[in-house]
Protein backbone atom coordinates (compact mmCIF):
# COMPACT_ATOMS: atom_id res chain seq x y z
CA MET A 1 72.70 90.09 122.11
CA SER A 2 74.10 91.41 125.28
CA LEU A 3 76.85 90.68 127.72
CA SER A 4 76.42 89.40 131.21
CA PRO A 5 78.30 91.10 134.13
CA ARG A 6 80.46 87.93 134.35
CA GLN A 7 81.46 88.28 130.60
CA ILE A 8 82.26 91.93 131.08
CA LEU A 9 84.49 91.11 133.99
CA LEU A 10 86.28 88.39 132.06
CA ILE A 11 86.87 90.66 129.07
CA GLN A 12 88.08 93.56 131.21
CA ASN A 13 90.37 91.39 133.34
CA SER A 14 91.82 89.56 130.40
CA PHE A 15 92.41 92.81 128.51
CA ALA A 16 94.21 94.22 131.53
CA LYS A 17 96.64 91.31 131.33
CA VAL A 18 97.21 91.88 127.60
CA GLU A 19 97.65 95.63 127.86
CA PRO A 20 101.23 95.47 129.22
CA ILE A 21 102.22 93.54 126.05
CA ALA A 22 100.05 95.66 123.74
CA ASP A 23 102.74 96.11 121.11
CA GLN A 24 103.45 92.37 120.90
CA ALA A 25 99.74 91.53 120.97
CA ALA A 26 99.10 93.92 118.12
CA GLU A 27 102.03 92.40 116.09
CA ILE A 28 100.68 88.89 116.66
CA PHE A 29 97.20 90.11 115.65
CA TYR A 30 98.31 91.66 112.35
CA ASN A 31 100.64 88.78 111.41
CA LYS A 32 97.82 86.34 111.81
CA LEU A 33 95.31 88.65 110.11
CA PHE A 34 97.57 88.85 107.11
CA GLU A 35 98.11 85.12 107.16
CA TYR A 36 94.30 84.52 107.17
CA ASP A 37 93.72 86.98 104.38
CA PRO A 38 96.81 88.42 102.66
CA SER A 39 94.58 90.80 100.60
CA ILE A 40 93.76 92.73 103.71
CA ARG A 41 97.42 93.91 103.89
CA ASP A 42 96.58 96.23 100.99
CA LEU A 43 94.24 98.25 103.23
CA PHE A 44 97.18 99.39 105.36
CA HIS A 45 99.44 102.12 104.08
CA HIS A 46 100.95 103.37 107.35
CA ASP A 47 103.43 102.28 109.98
CA MET A 48 102.17 99.00 111.36
CA LYS A 49 103.49 99.77 114.94
CA GLN A 50 101.34 102.91 114.92
CA GLN A 51 98.49 100.93 113.53
CA GLY A 52 98.85 98.39 116.27
CA ARG A 53 98.74 101.19 118.89
CA LYS A 54 95.52 102.47 117.30
CA LEU A 55 94.05 98.95 117.44
CA MET A 56 94.88 98.53 121.10
CA SER A 57 93.67 102.04 121.95
CA MET A 58 90.28 101.30 120.32
CA LEU A 59 90.08 97.99 122.05
CA LYS A 60 90.79 99.73 125.37
CA ILE A 61 87.98 102.18 124.72
CA ALA A 62 85.57 99.37 123.71
CA VAL A 63 86.50 97.29 126.76
CA ALA A 64 86.04 100.20 129.13
CA GLY A 65 82.68 100.98 127.55
CA LEU A 66 81.23 97.47 127.93
CA ASN A 67 79.15 98.50 130.97
CA ASP A 68 77.12 100.87 128.78
CA LEU A 69 76.88 99.49 125.26
CA GLY A 70 74.54 102.29 124.27
CA LYS A 71 77.28 104.87 124.69
CA LEU A 72 79.73 102.65 122.71
CA VAL A 73 77.43 102.35 119.66
CA PRO A 74 78.09 105.89 118.24
CA ALA A 75 81.89 105.33 118.53
CA LEU A 76 81.53 102.00 116.67
CA GLN A 77 79.37 103.61 114.00
CA THR A 78 81.98 106.30 113.43
CA LEU A 79 84.67 103.65 113.27
CA ALA A 80 82.56 101.71 110.76
CA GLU A 81 82.31 104.75 108.57
CA ARG A 82 86.08 105.20 108.62
CA HIS A 83 86.56 101.50 107.73
CA ILE A 84 84.29 101.87 104.72
CA ASP A 85 86.49 104.74 103.59
CA TYR A 86 89.55 102.49 104.04
CA GLY A 87 88.00 99.83 101.81
CA VAL A 88 86.93 97.34 104.47
CA GLU A 89 84.28 94.88 103.10
CA ILE A 90 81.60 93.08 105.01
CA ASP A 91 83.46 89.77 105.03
CA ASP A 92 86.64 91.33 106.44
CA TYR A 93 85.24 91.30 109.93
CA THR A 94 85.59 87.51 110.20
CA PRO A 95 89.42 87.25 109.79
CA VAL A 96 89.74 90.22 112.16
CA GLY A 97 87.71 88.41 114.83
CA ASN A 98 89.70 85.22 114.29
CA ALA A 99 92.98 87.09 114.47
CA LEU A 100 91.85 88.83 117.66
CA LEU A 101 91.06 85.46 119.31
CA PHE A 102 94.39 84.10 118.24
CA ALA A 103 96.30 87.11 119.63
CA LEU A 104 94.43 86.88 122.88
CA LYS A 105 95.11 83.19 123.13
CA LYS A 106 98.83 83.71 122.54
CA GLY A 107 98.99 86.74 124.87
CA LEU A 108 97.01 85.19 127.73
CA GLY A 109 98.19 81.58 127.52
CA ARG A 110 96.46 79.47 130.16
CA ASP A 111 94.40 82.49 131.27
CA PHE A 112 92.61 82.26 127.96
CA THR A 113 89.99 79.88 129.28
CA THR A 114 86.97 78.61 127.35
CA GLU A 115 84.77 81.00 129.35
CA THR A 116 87.01 83.97 128.52
CA ARG A 117 87.20 82.99 124.87
CA ASP A 118 83.40 82.70 124.71
CA ALA A 119 83.07 86.13 126.29
CA TRP A 120 85.39 87.65 123.73
CA ILE A 121 83.49 85.97 120.93
CA THR A 122 80.31 87.48 122.21
CA VAL A 123 81.70 91.01 122.50
CA TYR A 124 83.44 90.83 119.08
CA LYS A 125 80.21 89.68 117.53
CA ILE A 126 78.38 92.64 119.10
CA ILE A 127 81.09 94.98 117.82
CA ALA A 128 81.29 93.54 114.34
CA ASP A 129 77.50 93.33 113.94
CA THR A 130 77.06 96.90 115.08
CA MET A 131 79.63 98.11 112.62
CA ARG A 132 78.35 95.98 109.75
CA SER A 133 74.75 97.07 110.38
CA HIS A 134 75.78 100.67 110.23
CA SER A 135 77.91 100.28 107.12
CA TYR A 136 75.59 97.89 105.28
CA PRO A 137 71.97 98.75 106.10
CA SER A 138 70.70 95.50 104.60
CA PHE A 139 72.98 93.44 106.90
CA ASN A 140 71.09 91.03 109.07
CA PRO A 141 73.23 89.18 111.64
CA ARG A 142 70.74 86.38 111.86
CA THR A 143 70.79 85.52 108.16
CA TYR A 144 74.28 86.60 107.27
CA LYS A 145 76.57 83.90 105.96
CA ASN A 146 80.24 84.87 105.58
CA HIS A 147 81.45 84.18 102.01
CA ARG A 148 84.94 83.42 103.24
CA ARG A 149 85.86 80.88 105.96
CA TYR A 150 88.88 81.02 108.21
CA ASN A 151 90.44 78.68 110.70
CA LYS A 152 90.94 79.87 114.29
């Protein structure tokens, strides 16, 4: 799976619009994440504002690196290793993706078009599949069926 130049542009432009409200976007994200799966809250033992800043910083790095996904992969693999140490499980990536889409929709309003949403779904799938593949060597994105379902 790869991103088209148009998808990269949509993601980068939409993130640039969210960045000025990064703290609010992160708060929306985590509130929705914990609504989707309250058990995930147990993985967080630090200041949530600081955690939100880390999230937005990592997203900024990922968004900036979309023009060369090969260079982004090692950073995602390192992040995946840290997530395993934190107790993240393979199914936890689904509510994270859904919470991200929700936060983007709230933060962007009408600018969160179907085309922009689809671009974000594609990039999140690339990120999540890269991280899951690194953390769980038997993971196959083509055959994987999430054990938990979440509404978007």
